[in-house]
Amino acid sequence: MAQVIININNREYAILCENGQEGHIIKLSRQLDEKAKALVSALGHVNENHLLAMVGLLVADELSEEKKNNSSSMPTQPSSTAIMGASNDELNTLDEELSQNINSLNELIKSIATNLKSM
C-alpha cells in the first residue's frame, strides 16, 4: 500500500491507496479542494466536518446527475422474452435499430480516436 498526503482546504490528510494510484488520488483531491475553496469563498468560514460533508454532497449530486444523463441517453434494451416472442417485422425493426446504434457508436469511437491522436 502507498500513502499519499493530500491537501483539502489547507488541511493535510494522509491517505492510503493501492500502489500506482497516487497520482489519481492527488488529482481527485485537487477537485475536492477546489470545491471546498469555492464553498468557503461563498459561505465564509465553515466547520471542517461540515465543509467536507457539503463537498461530499456536491460530488454525490454531480455523480447522480451524470448517472441520470447517461441512463436517459442509453437506448432501452428489449428483454430476451420480448425478442423470443417478436414477429419477423418486429425483429427486422429491432435489427435496423441495433445496426443504426452500432454505426453511431462506431462513428463516435472514430471521432474520439481522431481527437486523441491530435492531442
PDB file of N, CA and C in Angstrom:
ATOM      1  N   MET A   1       0.833  -1.181   0.000  1.00  0.00           N
ATOM      2  CA  MET A   1       0.000   0.000   0.000  1.00  0.00           C
ATOM      3  C   MET A   1       0.881   1.248   0.000  1.00  0.00           C
ATOM      4  N   ALA A   2       0.456   2.220  -0.770  1.00  0.00           N
ATOM      5  CA  ALA A   2       1.149   3.500  -0.816  1.00  0.00           C
ATOM      6  C   ALA A   2       0.402   4.498   0.066  1.00  0.00           C
ATOM      7  N   GLN A   3       1.110   5.546   0.459  1.00  0.00           N
ATOM      8  CA  GLN A   3       0.482   6.604   1.233  1.00  0.00           C
ATOM      9  C   GLN A   3       0.679   7.913   0.498  1.00  0.00           C
ATOM     10  N   VAL A   4      -0.385   8.698   0.431  1.00  0.00           N
ATOM     11  CA  VAL A   4      -0.355   9.996  -0.232  1.00  0.00           C
ATOM     12  C   VAL A   4      -0.826  11.035   0.776  1.00  0.00           C
ATOM     13  N   ILE A   5      -0.163  12.173   0.782  1.00  0.00           N
ATOM     14  CA  ILE A   5      -0.614  13.294   1.604  1.00  0.00           C
ATOM     15  C   ILE A   5      -1.386  14.224   0.676  1.00  0.00           C
ATOM     16  N   ILE A   6      -2.679  14.399   0.970  1.00  0.00           N
ATOM     17  CA  ILE A   6      -3.499  15.307   0.175  1.00  0.00           C
ATOM     18  C   ILE A   6      -3.804  16.546   1.003  1.00  0.00           C
ATOM     19  N   ASN A   7      -4.196  17.610   0.327  1.00  0.00           N
ATOM     20  CA  ASN A   7      -4.488  18.861   1.000  1.00  0.00           C
ATOM     21  C   ASN A   7      -5.859  19.336   0.556  1.00  0.00           C
ATOM     22  N   ILE A   8      -6.757  19.461   1.516  1.00  0.00           N
ATOM     23  CA  ILE A   8      -8.102  19.979   1.236  1.00  0.00           C
ATOM     24  C   ILE A   8      -8.358  21.122   2.207  1.00  0.00           C
ATOM     25  N   ASN A   9      -8.616  22.288   1.650  1.00  0.00           N
ATOM     26  CA  ASN A   9      -8.873  23.494   2.432  1.00  0.00           C
ATOM     27  C   ASN A   9      -7.765  23.744   3.448  1.00  0.00           C
ATOM     28  N   ASN A  10      -6.527  23.655   2.964  1.00  0.00           N
ATOM     29  CA  ASN A  10      -5.328  23.928   3.766  1.00  0.00           C
ATOM     30  C   ASN A  10      -5.130  22.968   4.931  1.00  0.00           C
ATOM     31  N   ARG A  11      -5.745  21.788   4.864  1.00  0.00           N
ATOM     32  CA  ARG A  11      -5.523  20.740   5.864  1.00  0.00           C
ATOM     33  C   ARG A  11      -4.960  19.527   5.160  1.00  0.00           C
ATOM     34  N   GLU A  12      -3.958  18.916   5.767  1.00  0.00           N
ATOM     35  CA  GLU A  12      -3.347  17.729   5.182  1.00  0.00           C
ATOM     36  C   GLU A  12      -4.000  16.469   5.733  1.00  0.00           C
ATOM     37  N   TYR A  13      -4.148  15.493   4.848  1.00  0.00           N
ATOM     38  CA  TYR A  13      -4.704  14.188   5.201  1.00  0.00           C
ATOM     39  C   TYR A  13      -3.815  13.114   4.598  1.00  0.00           C
ATOM     40  N   ALA A  14      -3.430  12.150   5.411  1.00  0.00           N
ATOM     41  CA  ALA A  14      -2.658  11.007   4.919  1.00  0.00           C
ATOM     42  C   ALA A  14      -3.651   9.951   4.454  1.00  0.00           C
ATOM     43  N   ILE A  15      -3.537   9.568   3.192  1.00  0.00           N
ATOM     44  CA  ILE A  15      -4.476   8.627   2.585  1.00  0.00           C
ATOM     45  C   ILE A  15      -3.703   7.406   2.071  1.00  0.00           C
ATOM     46  N   LEU A  16      -4.174   6.225   2.432  1.00  0.00           N
ATOM     47  CA  LEU A  16      -3.601   5.000   1.891  1.00  0.00           C
ATOM     48  C   LEU A  16      -4.298   4.666   0.583  1.00  0.00           C
ATOM     49  N   CYS A  17      -3.526   4.164  -0.366  1.00  0.00           N
ATOM     50  CA  CYS A  17      -4.093   3.764  -1.650  1.00  0.00           C
ATOM     51  C   CYS A  17      -3.241   2.635  -2.230  1.00  0.00           C
ATOM     52  N   GLU A  18      -3.760   2.017  -3.265  1.00  0.00           N
ATOM     53  CA  GLU A  18      -3.007   0.967  -3.930  1.00  0.00           C
ATOM     54  C   GLU A  18      -1.785   1.567  -4.612  1.00  0.00           C
ATOM     55  N   ASN A  19      -0.710   0.813  -4.672  1.00  0.00           N
ATOM     56  CA  ASN A  19       0.485   1.261  -5.373  1.00  0.00           C
ATOM     57  C   ASN A  19       0.127   1.621  -6.809  1.00  0.00           C
ATOM     58  N   GLY A  20       0.631   2.741  -7.260  1.00  0.00           N
ATOM     59  CA  GLY A  20       0.363   3.190  -8.617  1.00  0.00           C
ATOM     60  C   GLY A  20      -0.834   4.114  -8.731  1.00  0.00           C
ATOM     61  N   GLN A  21      -1.622   4.235  -7.663  1.00  0.00           N
ATOM     62  CA  GLN A  21      -2.819   5.080  -7.690  1.00  0.00           C
ATOM     63  C   GLN A  21      -2.579   6.469  -7.097  1.00  0.00           C
ATOM     64  N   GLU A  22      -1.344   6.743  -6.711  1.00  0.00           N
ATOM     65  CA  GLU A  22      -1.047   8.001  -6.029  1.00  0.00           C
ATOM     66  C   GLU A  22      -1.448   9.225  -6.865  1.00  0.00           C
ATOM     67  N   GLY A  23      -1.069   9.243  -8.121  1.00  0.00           N
ATOM     68  CA  GLY A  23      -1.391  10.375  -8.987  1.00  0.00           C
ATOM     69  C   GLY A  23      -2.884  10.582  -9.135  1.00  0.00           C
ATOM     70  N   HIS A  24      -3.609   9.489  -9.248  1.00  0.00           N
ATOM     71  CA  HIS A  24      -5.067   9.569  -9.383  1.00  0.00           C
ATOM     72  C   HIS A  24      -5.693  10.144  -8.112  1.00  0.00           C
ATOM     73  N   ILE A  25      -5.210   9.709  -6.960  1.00  0.00           N
ATOM     74  CA  ILE A  25      -5.719  10.200  -5.684  1.00  0.00           C
ATOM     75  C   ILE A  25      -5.430  11.691  -5.538  1.00  0.00           C
ATOM     76  N   ILE A  26      -4.244  12.103  -5.926  1.00  0.00           N
ATOM     77  CA  ILE A  26      -3.891  13.526  -5.848  1.00  0.00           C
ATOM     78  C   ILE A  26      -4.787  14.347  -6.766  1.00  0.00           C
ATOM     79  N   LYS A  27      -5.037  13.847  -7.965  1.00  0.00           N
ATOM     80  CA  LYS A  27      -5.915  14.553  -8.913  1.00  0.00           C
ATOM     81  C   LYS A  27      -7.330  14.691  -8.331  1.00  0.00           C
ATOM     82  N   LEU A  28      -7.848  13.616  -7.760  1.00  0.00           N
ATOM     83  CA  LEU A  28      -9.177  13.667  -7.146  1.00  0.00           C
ATOM     84  C   LEU A  28      -9.205  14.639  -5.974  1.00  0.00           C
ATOM     85  N   SER A  29      -8.145  14.633  -5.172  1.00  0.00           N
ATOM     86  CA  SER A  29      -8.107  15.530  -4.015  1.00  0.00           C
ATOM     87  C   SER A  29      -8.077  16.985  -4.449  1.00  0.00           C
ATOM     88  N   ARG A  30      -7.449  17.278  -5.579  1.00  0.00           N
ATOM     89  CA  ARG A  30      -7.441  18.657  -6.089  1.00  0.00           C
ATOM     90  C   ARG A  30      -8.853  19.099  -6.477  1.00  0.00           C
ATOM     91  N   GLN A  31      -9.624  18.178  -7.039  1.00  0.00           N
ATOM     92  CA  GLN A  31     -11.006  18.504  -7.376  1.00  0.00           C
ATOM     93  C   GLN A  31     -11.813  18.801  -6.109  1.00  0.00           C
ATOM     94  N   LEU A  32     -11.609  17.990  -5.074  1.00  0.00           N
ATOM     95  CA  LEU A  32     -12.303  18.227  -3.800  1.00  0.00           C
ATOM     96  C   LEU A  32     -11.861  19.549  -3.189  1.00  0.00           C
ATOM     97  N   ASP A  33     -10.570  19.844  -3.265  1.00  0.00           N
ATOM     98  CA  ASP A  33     -10.044  21.088  -2.724  1.00  0.00           C
ATOM     99  C   ASP A  33     -10.659  22.292  -3.429  1.00  0.00           C
ATOM    100  N   GLU A  34     -10.815  22.213  -4.745  1.00  0.00           N
ATOM    101  CA  GLU A  34     -11.445  23.304  -5.496  1.00  0.00           C
ATOM    102  C   GLU A  34     -12.877  23.534  -5.014  1.00  0.00           C
ATOM    103  N   LYS A  35     -13.608  22.459  -4.812  1.00  0.00           N
ATOM    104  CA  LYS A  35     -14.994  22.579  -4.338  1.00  0.00           C
ATOM    105  C   LYS A  35     -15.026  23.165  -2.927  1.00  0.00           C
ATOM    106  N   ALA A  36     -14.113  22.720  -2.077  1.00  0.00           N
ATOM    107  CA  ALA A  36     -14.058  23.230  -0.705  1.00  0.00           C
ATOM    108  C   ALA A  36     -13.745  24.726  -0.715  1.00  0.00           C
ATOM    109  N   LYS A  37     -12.781  25.126  -1.520  1.00  0.00           N
ATOM    110  CA  LYS A  37     -12.418  26.548  -1.577  1.00  0.00           C
ATOM    111  C   LYS A  37     -13.566  27.390  -2.123  1.00  0.00           C
ATOM    112  N   ALA A  38     -14.301  26.865  -3.098  1.00  0.00           N
ATOM    113  CA  ALA A  38     -15.455  27.597  -3.639  1.00  0.00           C
ATOM    114  C   ALA A  38     -16.527  27.768  -2.570  1.00  0.00           C
ATOM    115  N   LEU A  39     -16.764  26.725  -1.784  1.00  0.00           N
ATOM    116  CA  LEU A  39     -17.758  26.823  -0.707  1.00  0.00           C
ATOM    117  C   LEU A  39     -17.327  27.826   0.355  1.00  0.00           C
ATOM    118  N   VAL A  40     -16.058  27.773   0.754  1.00  0.00           N
ATOM    119  CA  VAL A  40     -15.554  28.701   1.763  1.00  0.00           C
ATOM    120  C   VAL A  40     -15.628  30.131   1.227  1.00  0.00           C
ATOM    121  N   SER A  41     -15.329  30.299  -0.047  1.00  0.00           N
ATOM    122  CA  SER A  41     -15.410  31.627  -0.661  1.00  0.00           C
ATOM    123  C   SER A  41     -16.845  32.152  -0.639  1.00  0.00           C
ATOM    124  N   ALA A  42     -17.797  31.272  -0.889  1.00  0.00           N
ATOM    125  CA  ALA A  42     -19.200  31.682  -0.934  1.00  0.00           C
ATOM    126  C   ALA A  42     -19.812  31.830   0.459  1.00  0.00           C
ATOM    127  N   LEU A  43     -19.402  30.981   1.403  1.00  0.00           N
ATOM    128  CA  LEU A  43     -20.059  30.946   2.707  1.00  0.00           C
ATOM    129  C   LEU A  43     -19.247  31.550   3.843  1.00  0.00           C
ATOM    130  N   GLY A  44     -17.970  31.764   3.636  1.00  0.00           N
ATOM    131  CA  GLY A  44     -17.099  32.190   4.728  1.00  0.00           C
ATOM    132  C   GLY A  44     -16.606  30.966   5.486  1.00  0.00           C
ATOM    133  N   HIS A  45     -16.093  31.184   6.656  1.00  0.00           N
ATOM    134  CA  HIS A  45     -15.560  30.069   7.457  1.00  0.00           C
ATOM    135  C   HIS A  45     -16.645  29.044   7.757  1.00  0.00           C
ATOM    136  N   VAL A  46     -16.305  27.787   7.524  1.00  0.00           N
ATOM    137  CA  VAL A  46     -17.237  26.686   7.766  1.00  0.00           C
ATOM    138  C   VAL A  46     -16.492  25.633   8.577  1.00  0.00           C
ATOM    139  N   ASN A  47     -17.159  25.028   9.546  1.00  0.00           N
ATOM    140  CA  ASN A  47     -16.596  23.934  10.321  1.00  0.00           C
ATOM    141  C   ASN A  47     -16.066  22.863   9.366  1.00  0.00           C
ATOM    142  N   GLU A  48     -14.883  22.328   9.664  1.00  0.00           N
ATOM    143  CA  GLU A  48     -14.226  21.366   8.773  1.00  0.00           C
ATOM    144  C   GLU A  48     -15.108  20.151   8.442  1.00  0.00           C
ATOM    145  N   ASN A  49     -15.729  19.562   9.441  1.00  0.00           N
ATOM    146  CA  ASN A  49     -16.593  18.402   9.194  1.00  0.00           C
ATOM    147  C   ASN A  49     -17.782  18.784   8.321  1.00  0.00           C
ATOM    148  N   HIS A  50     -18.361  19.938   8.599  1.00  0.00           N
ATOM    149  CA  HIS A  50     -19.491  20.423   7.819  1.00  0.00           C
ATOM    150  C   HIS A  50     -19.064  20.681   6.373  1.00  0.00           C
ATOM    151  N   LEU A  51     -17.885  21.293   6.205  1.00  0.00           N
ATOM    152  CA  LEU A  51     -17.365  21.585   4.872  1.00  0.00           C
ATOM    153  C   LEU A  51     -17.154  20.298   4.072  1.00  0.00           C
ATOM    154  N   LEU A  52     -16.536  19.302   4.684  1.00  0.00           N
ATOM    155  CA  LEU A  52     -16.290  18.045   3.973  1.00  0.00           C
ATOM    156  C   LEU A  52     -17.595  17.336   3.640  1.00  0.00           C
ATOM    157  N   ALA A  53     -18.593  17.454   4.531  1.00  0.00           N
ATOM    158  CA  ALA A  53     -19.907  16.867   4.228  1.00  0.00           C
ATOM    159  C   ALA A  53     -20.540  17.574   3.033  1.00  0.00           C
ATOM    160  N   MET A  54     -20.432  18.897   2.991  1.00  0.00           N
ATOM    161  CA  MET A  54     -21.012  19.652   1.874  1.00  0.00           C
ATOM    162  C   MET A  54     -20.291  19.335   0.566  1.00  0.00           C
ATOM    163  N   VAL A  55     -18.969  19.198   0.610  1.00  0.00           N
ATOM    164  CA  VAL A  55     -18.210  18.820  -0.585  1.00  0.00           C
ATOM    165  C   VAL A  55     -18.655  17.439  -1.055  1.00  0.00           C
ATOM    166  N   GLY A  56     -18.817  16.518  -0.110  1.00  0.00           N
ATOM    167  CA  GLY A  56     -19.296  15.179  -0.454  1.00  0.00           C
ATOM    168  C   GLY A  56     -20.661  15.215  -1.114  1.00  0.00           C
ATOM    169  N   LEU A  57     -21.534  16.071  -0.599  1.00  0.00           N
ATOM    170  CA  LEU A  57     -22.869  16.205  -1.202  1.00  0.00           C
ATOM    171  C   LEU A  57     -22.788  16.780  -2.614  1.00  0.00           C
ATOM    172  N   LEU A  58     -21.915  17.751  -2.825  1.00  0.00           N
ATOM    173  CA  LEU A  58     -21.744  18.306  -4.174  1.00  0.00           C
ATOM    174  C   LEU A  58     -21.277  17.241  -5.156  1.00  0.00           C
ATOM    175  N   VAL A  59     -20.303  16.442  -4.726  1.00  0.00           N
ATOM    176  CA  VAL A  59     -19.780  15.387  -5.588  1.00  0.00           C
ATOM    177  C   VAL A  59     -20.851  14.328  -5.839  1.00  0.00           C
ATOM    178  N   ALA A  60     -21.586  13.959  -4.797  1.00  0.00           N
ATOM    179  CA  ALA A  60     -22.654  12.964  -4.950  1.00  0.00           C
ATOM    180  C   ALA A  60     -23.735  13.474  -5.897  1.00  0.00           C
ATOM    181  N   ASP A  61     -24.051  14.769  -5.810  1.00  0.00           N
ATOM    182  CA  ASP A  61     -25.046  15.364  -6.700  1.00  0.00           C
ATOM    183  C   ASP A  61     -24.568  15.321  -8.148  1.00  0.00           C
ATOM    184  N   GLU A  62     -23.303  15.669  -8.373  1.00  0.00           N
ATOM    185  CA  GLU A  62     -22.749  15.614  -9.728  1.00  0.00           C
ATOM    186  C   GLU A  62     -22.790  14.192 -10.277  1.00  0.00           C
ATOM    187  N   LEU A  63     -22.435  13.226  -9.445  1.00  0.00           N
ATOM    188  CA  LEU A  63     -22.452  11.823  -9.857  1.00  0.00           C
ATOM    189  C   LEU A  63     -23.869  11.373 -10.185  1.00  0.00           C
ATOM    190  N   SER A  64     -24.816  11.779  -9.358  1.00  0.00           N
ATOM    191  CA  SER A  64     -26.211  11.428  -9.592  1.00  0.00           C
ATOM    192  C   SER A  64     -26.711  12.004 -10.908  1.00  0.00           C
ATOM    193  N   GLU A  65     -26.391  13.263 -11.176  1.00  0.00           N
ATOM    194  CA  GLU A  65     -26.800  13.898 -12.434  1.00  0.00           C
ATOM    195  C   GLU A  65     -26.147  13.200 -13.628  1.00  0.00           C
ATOM    196  N   GLU A  66     -24.885  12.846 -13.487  1.00  0.00           N
ATOM    197  CA  GLU A  66     -24.171  12.156 -14.569  1.00  0.00           C
ATOM    198  C   GLU A  66     -24.807  10.802 -14.860  1.00  0.00           C
ATOM    199  N   LYS A  67     -25.140  10.065 -13.805  1.00  0.00           N
ATOM    200  CA  LYS A  67     -25.795   8.770 -13.990  1.00  0.00           C
ATOM    201  C   LYS A  67     -27.154   8.937 -14.655  1.00  0.00           C
ATOM    202  N   LYS A  68     -27.907   9.962 -14.225  1.00  0.00           N
ATOM    203  CA  LYS A  68     -29.223  10.210 -14.804  1.00  0.00           C
ATOM    204  C   LYS A  68     -29.085  10.566 -16.284  1.00  0.00           C
ATOM    205  N   ASN A  69     -28.116  11.410 -16.615  1.00  0.00           N
ATOM    206  CA  ASN A  69     -27.901  11.792 -18.013  1.00  0.00           C
ATOM    207  C   ASN A  69     -27.458  10.611 -18.860  1.00  0.00           C
ATOM    208  N   ASN A  70     -26.591   9.773 -18.311  1.00  0.00           N
ATOM    209  CA  ASN A  70     -26.121   8.605 -19.063  1.00  0.00           C
ATOM    210  C   ASN A  70     -27.231   7.591 -19.269  1.00  0.00           C
ATOM    211  N   SER A  71     -28.054   7.383 -18.252  1.00  0.00           N
ATOM    212  CA  SER A  71     -29.113   6.377 -18.393  1.00  0.00           C
ATOM    213  C   SER A  71     -30.206   6.857 -19.333  1.00  0.00           C
ATOM    214  N   SER A  72     -30.460   8.171 -19.376  1.00  0.00           N
ATOM    215  CA  SER A  72     -31.502   8.672 -20.272  1.00  0.00           C
ATOM    216  C   SER A  72     -31.031   8.699 -21.718  1.00  0.00           C
ATOM    217  N   SER A  73     -29.703   8.737 -21.932  1.00  0.00           N
ATOM    218  CA  SER A  73     -29.206   8.762 -23.308  1.00  0.00           C
ATOM    219  C   SER A  73     -28.959   7.361 -23.855  1.00  0.00           C
ATOM    220  N   MET A  74     -28.996   6.360 -22.993  1.00  0.00           N
ATOM    221  CA  MET A  74     -28.781   4.987 -23.437  1.00  0.00           C
ATOM    222  C   MET A  74     -30.088   4.413 -23.963  1.00  0.00           C
ATOM    223  N   PRO A  75     -30.028   3.751 -25.117  1.00  0.00           N
ATOM    224  CA  PRO A  75     -31.260   3.148 -25.630  1.00  0.00           C
ATOM    225  C   PRO A  75     -31.705   2.006 -24.721  1.00  0.00           C
ATOM    226  N   THR A  76     -33.012   1.817 -24.626  1.00  0.00           N
ATOM    227  CA  THR A  76     -33.525   0.730 -23.806  1.00  0.00           C
ATOM    228  C   THR A  76     -33.329  -0.585 -24.547  1.00  0.00           C
ATOM    229  N   GLN A  77     -33.008  -1.614 -23.818  1.00  0.00           N
ATOM    230  CA  GLN A  77     -32.758  -2.916 -24.404  1.00  0.00           C
ATOM    231  C   GLN A  77     -33.981  -3.803 -24.204  1.00  0.00           C
ATOM    232  N   PRO A  78     -34.472  -4.422 -25.262  1.00  0.00           N
ATOM    233  CA  PRO A  78     -35.604  -5.326 -25.092  1.00  0.00           C
ATOM    234  C   PRO A  78     -35.180  -6.572 -24.329  1.00  0.00           C
ATOM    235  N   SER A  79     -36.113  -7.150 -23.592  1.00  0.00           N
ATOM    236  CA  SER A  79     -35.810  -8.363 -22.843  1.00  0.00           C
ATOM    237  C   SER A  79     -35.721  -9.543 -23.806  1.00  0.00           C
ATOM    238  N   SER A  80     -35.052 -10.597 -23.358  1.00  0.00           N
ATOM    239  CA  SER A  80     -34.941 -11.790 -24.207  1.00  0.00           C
ATOM    240  C   SER A  80     -36.316 -12.408 -24.452  1.00  0.00           C
ATOM    241  N   THR A  81     -37.232 -12.272 -23.483  1.00  0.00           N
ATOM    242  CA  THR A  81     -38.591 -12.786 -23.659  1.00  0.00           C
ATOM    243  C   THR A  81     -39.304 -12.027 -24.778  1.00  0.00           C
ATOM    244  N   ALA A  82     -39.122 -10.714 -24.815  1.00  0.00           N
ATOM    245  CA  ALA A  82     -39.746  -9.905 -25.864  1.00  0.00           C
ATOM    246  C   ALA A  82     -39.178 -10.268 -27.228  1.00  0.00           C
ATOM    247  N   ILE A  83     -37.886 -10.536 -27.294  1.00  0.00           N
ATOM    248  CA  ILE A  83     -37.266 -10.901 -28.575  1.00  0.00           C
ATOM    249  C   ILE A  83     -37.779 -12.255 -29.048  1.00  0.00           C
ATOM    250  N   MET A  84     -37.904 -13.206 -28.124  1.00  0.00           N
ATOM    251  CA  MET A  84     -38.341 -14.555 -28.490  1.00  0.00           C
ATOM    252  C   MET A  84     -39.770 -14.545 -29.052  1.00  0.00           C
ATOM    253  N   GLY A  85     -40.607 -13.631 -28.530  1.00  0.00           N
ATOM    254  CA  GLY A  85     -41.990 -13.601 -28.974  1.00  0.00           C
ATOM    255  C   GLY A  85     -42.260 -12.587 -30.078  1.00  0.00           C
ATOM    256  N   ALA A  86     -41.209 -11.963 -30.605  1.00  0.00           N
ATOM    257  CA  ALA A  86     -41.387 -10.910 -31.607  1.00  0.00           C
ATOM    258  C   ALA A  86     -41.660 -11.507 -32.983  1.00  0.00           C
ATOM    259  N   SER A  87     -42.422 -10.767 -33.774  1.00  0.00           N
ATOM    260  CA  SER A  87     -42.689 -11.184 -35.154  1.00  0.00           C
ATOM    261  C   SER A  87     -41.474 -10.847 -36.017  1.00  0.00           C
ATOM    262  N   ASN A  88     -41.479 -11.349 -37.242  1.00  0.00           N
ATOM    263  CA  ASN A  88     -40.370 -11.059 -38.162  1.00  0.00           C
ATOM    264  C   ASN A  88     -40.238  -9.566 -38.417  1.00  0.00           C
ATOM    265  N   ASP A  89     -41.373  -8.874 -38.567  1.00  0.00           N
ATOM    266  CA  ASP A  89     -41.318  -7.426 -38.786  1.00  0.00           C
ATOM    267  C   ASP A  89     -40.698  -6.713 -37.580  1.00  0.00           C
ATOM    268  N   GLU A  90     -41.090  -7.139 -36.383  1.00  0.00           N
ATOM    269  CA  GLU A  90     -40.536  -6.524 -35.172  1.00  0.00           C
ATOM    270  C   GLU A  90     -39.040  -6.815 -35.058  1.00  0.00           C
ATOM    271  N   LEU A  91     -38.651  -8.043 -35.411  1.00  0.00           N
ATOM    272  CA  LEU A  91     -37.227  -8.395 -35.373  1.00  0.00           C
ATOM    273  C   LEU A  91     -36.439  -7.594 -36.407  1.00  0.00           C
ATOM    274  N   ASN A  92     -37.032  -7.393 -37.588  1.00  0.00           N
ATOM    275  CA  ASN A  92     -36.358  -6.598 -38.621  1.00  0.00           C
ATOM    276  C   ASN A  92     -36.184  -5.155 -38.151  1.00  0.00           C
ATOM    277  N   THR A  93     -37.212  -4.613 -37.493  1.00  0.00           N
ATOM    278  CA  THR A  93     -37.136  -3.248 -36.970  1.00  0.00           C
ATOM    279  C   THR A  93     -36.058  -3.163 -35.892  1.00  0.00           C
ATOM    280  N   LEU A  94     -36.048  -4.137 -34.997  1.00  0.00           N
ATOM    281  CA  LEU A  94     -35.045  -4.181 -33.941  1.00  0.00           C
ATOM    282  C   LEU A  94     -33.648  -4.301 -34.532  1.00  0.00           C
ATOM    283  N   ASP A  95     -33.499  -5.145 -35.535  1.00  0.00           N
ATOM    284  CA  ASP A  95     -32.207  -5.315 -36.196  1.00  0.00           C
ATOM    285  C   ASP A  95     -31.733  -3.997 -36.802  1.00  0.00           C
ATOM    286  N   GLU A  96     -32.652  -3.280 -37.433  1.00  0.00           N
ATOM    287  CA  GLU A  96     -32.308  -1.991 -38.044  1.00  0.00           C
ATOM    288  C   GLU A  96     -31.882  -0.983 -36.977  1.00  0.00           C
ATOM    289  N   GLU A  97     -32.619  -0.941 -35.860  1.00  0.00           N
ATOM    290  CA  GLU A  97     -32.275  -0.030 -34.767  1.00  0.00           C
ATOM    291  C   GLU A  97     -30.897  -0.362 -34.195  1.00  0.00           C
ATOM    292  N   LEU A  98     -30.649  -1.644 -33.999  1.00  0.00           N
ATOM    293  CA  LEU A  98     -29.346  -2.056 -33.466  1.00  0.00           C
ATOM    294  C   LEU A  98     -28.226  -1.711 -34.446  1.00  0.00           C
ATOM    295  N   SER A  99     -28.473  -1.902 -35.718  1.00  0.00           N
ATOM    296  CA  SER A  99     -27.486  -1.570 -36.739  1.00  0.00           C
ATOM    297  C   SER A  99     -27.174  -0.075 -36.714  1.00  0.00           C
ATOM    298  N   GLN A 100     -28.213   0.751 -36.586  1.00  0.00           N
ATOM    299  CA  GLN A 100     -28.009   2.199 -36.520  1.00  0.00           C
ATOM    300  C   GLN A 100     -27.229   2.583 -35.263  1.00  0.00           C
ATOM    301  N   ASN A 101     -27.557   1.941 -34.140  1.00  0.00           N
ATOM    302  CA  ASN A 101     -26.832   2.214 -32.900  1.00  0.00           C
ATOM    303  C   ASN A 101     -25.365   1.833 -33.015  1.00  0.00           C
ATOM    304  N   ILE A 102     -25.097   0.694 -33.629  1.00  0.00           N
ATOM    305  CA  ILE A 102     -23.712   0.248 -33.819  1.00  0.00           C
ATOM    306  C   ILE A 102     -22.968   1.231 -34.720  1.00  0.00           C
ATOM    307  N   ASN A 103     -23.616   1.679 -35.787  1.00  0.00           N
ATOM    308  CA  ASN A 103     -22.980   2.645 -36.677  1.00  0.00           C
ATOM    309  C   ASN A 103     -22.707   3.963 -35.957  1.00  0.00           C
ATOM    310  N   SER A 104     -23.655   4.416 -35.143  1.00  0.00           N
ATOM    311  CA  SER A 104     -23.463   5.652 -34.377  1.00  0.00           C
ATOM    312  C   SER A 104     -22.297   5.509 -33.405  1.00  0.00           C
ATOM    313  N   LEU A 105     -22.242   4.375 -32.715  1.00  0.00           N
ATOM    314  CA  LEU A 105     -21.132   4.139 -31.788  1.00  0.00           C
ATOM    315  C   LEU A 105     -19.807   4.070 -32.519  1.00  0.00           C
ATOM    316  N   ASN A 106     -19.795   3.452 -33.684  1.00  0.00           N
ATOM    317  CA  ASN A 106     -18.586   3.363 -34.487  1.00  0.00           C
ATOM    318  C   ASN A 106     -18.088   4.755 -34.865  1.00  0.00           C
ATOM    319  N   GLU A 107     -18.995   5.623 -35.280  1.00  0.00           N
ATOM    320  CA  GLU A 107     -18.627   6.995 -35.638  1.00  0.00           C
ATOM    321  C   GLU A 107     -18.103   7.750 -34.419  1.00  0.00           C
ATOM    322  N   LEU A 108     -18.739   7.543 -33.281  1.00  0.00           N
ATOM    323  CA  LEU A 108     -18.295   8.189 -32.057  1.00  0.00           C
ATOM    324  C   LEU A 108     -16.891   7.728 -31.678  1.00  0.00           C
ATOM    325  N   ILE A 109     -16.637   6.446 -31.775  1.00  0.00           N
ATOM    326  CA  ILE A 109     -15.315   5.891 -31.459  1.00  0.00           C
ATOM    327  C   ILE A 109     -14.267   6.470 -32.398  1.00  0.00           C
ATOM    328  N   LYS A 110     -14.592   6.556 -33.690  1.00  0.00           N
ATOM    329  CA  LYS A 110     -13.655   7.136 -34.650  1.00  0.00           C
ATOM    330  C   LYS A 110     -13.356   8.591 -34.309  1.00  0.00           C
ATOM    331  N   SER A 111     -14.396   9.324 -33.923  1.00  0.00           N
ATOM    332  CA  SER A 111     -14.228  10.743 -33.574  1.00  0.00           C
ATOM    333  C   SER A 111     -13.325  10.894 -32.347  1.00  0.00           C
ATOM    334  N   ILE A 112     -13.555  10.059 -31.355  1.00  0.00           N
ATOM    335  CA  ILE A 112     -12.729  10.108 -30.137  1.00  0.00           C
ATOM    336  C   ILE A 112     -11.288   9.752 -30.466  1.00  0.00           C
ATOM    337  N   ALA A 113     -11.094   8.726 -31.291  1.00  0.00           N
ATOM    338  CA  ALA A 113      -9.748   8.317 -31.678  1.00  0.00           C
ATOM    339  C   ALA A 113      -9.036   9.449 -32.412  1.00  0.00           C
ATOM    340  N   THR A 114      -9.744  10.120 -33.291  1.00  0.00           N
ATOM    341  CA  THR A 114      -9.158  11.250 -34.033  1.00  0.00           C
ATOM    342  C   THR A 114      -8.758  12.352 -33.067  1.00  0.00           C
ATOM    343  N   ASN A 115      -9.633  12.660 -32.107  1.00  0.00           N
ATOM    344  CA  ASN A 115      -9.331  13.707 -31.123  1.00  0.00           C
ATOM    345  C   ASN A 115      -8.140  13.326 -30.275  1.00  0.00           C
ATOM    346  N   LEU A 116      -8.037  12.058 -29.904  1.00  0.00           N
ATOM    347  CA  LEU A 116      -6.903  11.609 -29.085  1.00  0.00           C
ATOM    348  C   LEU A 116      -5.591  11.697 -29.865  1.00  0.00           C
ATOM    349  N   LYS A 117      -5.637  11.386 -31.152  1.00  0.00           N
ATOM    350  CA  LYS A 117      -4.442  11.468 -31.985  1.00  0.00           C
ATOM    351  C   LYS A 117      -3.937  12.895 -32.096  1.00  0.00           C
ATOM    352  N   SER A 118      -4.862  13.850 -32.106  1.00  0.00           N
ATOM    353  CA  SER A 118      -4.465  15.250 -32.288  1.00  0.00           C
ATOM    354  C   SER A 118      -3.976  15.892 -30.993  1.00  0.00           C
ATOM    355  N   MET A 119      -4.070  15.183 -29.862  1.00  0.00           N
ATOM    356  CA  MET A 119      -3.624  15.754 -28.576  1.00  0.00           C
ATOM    357  C   MET A 119      -2.130  15.669 -28.435  1.00  0.00           C
TER     358      MET A 119
END
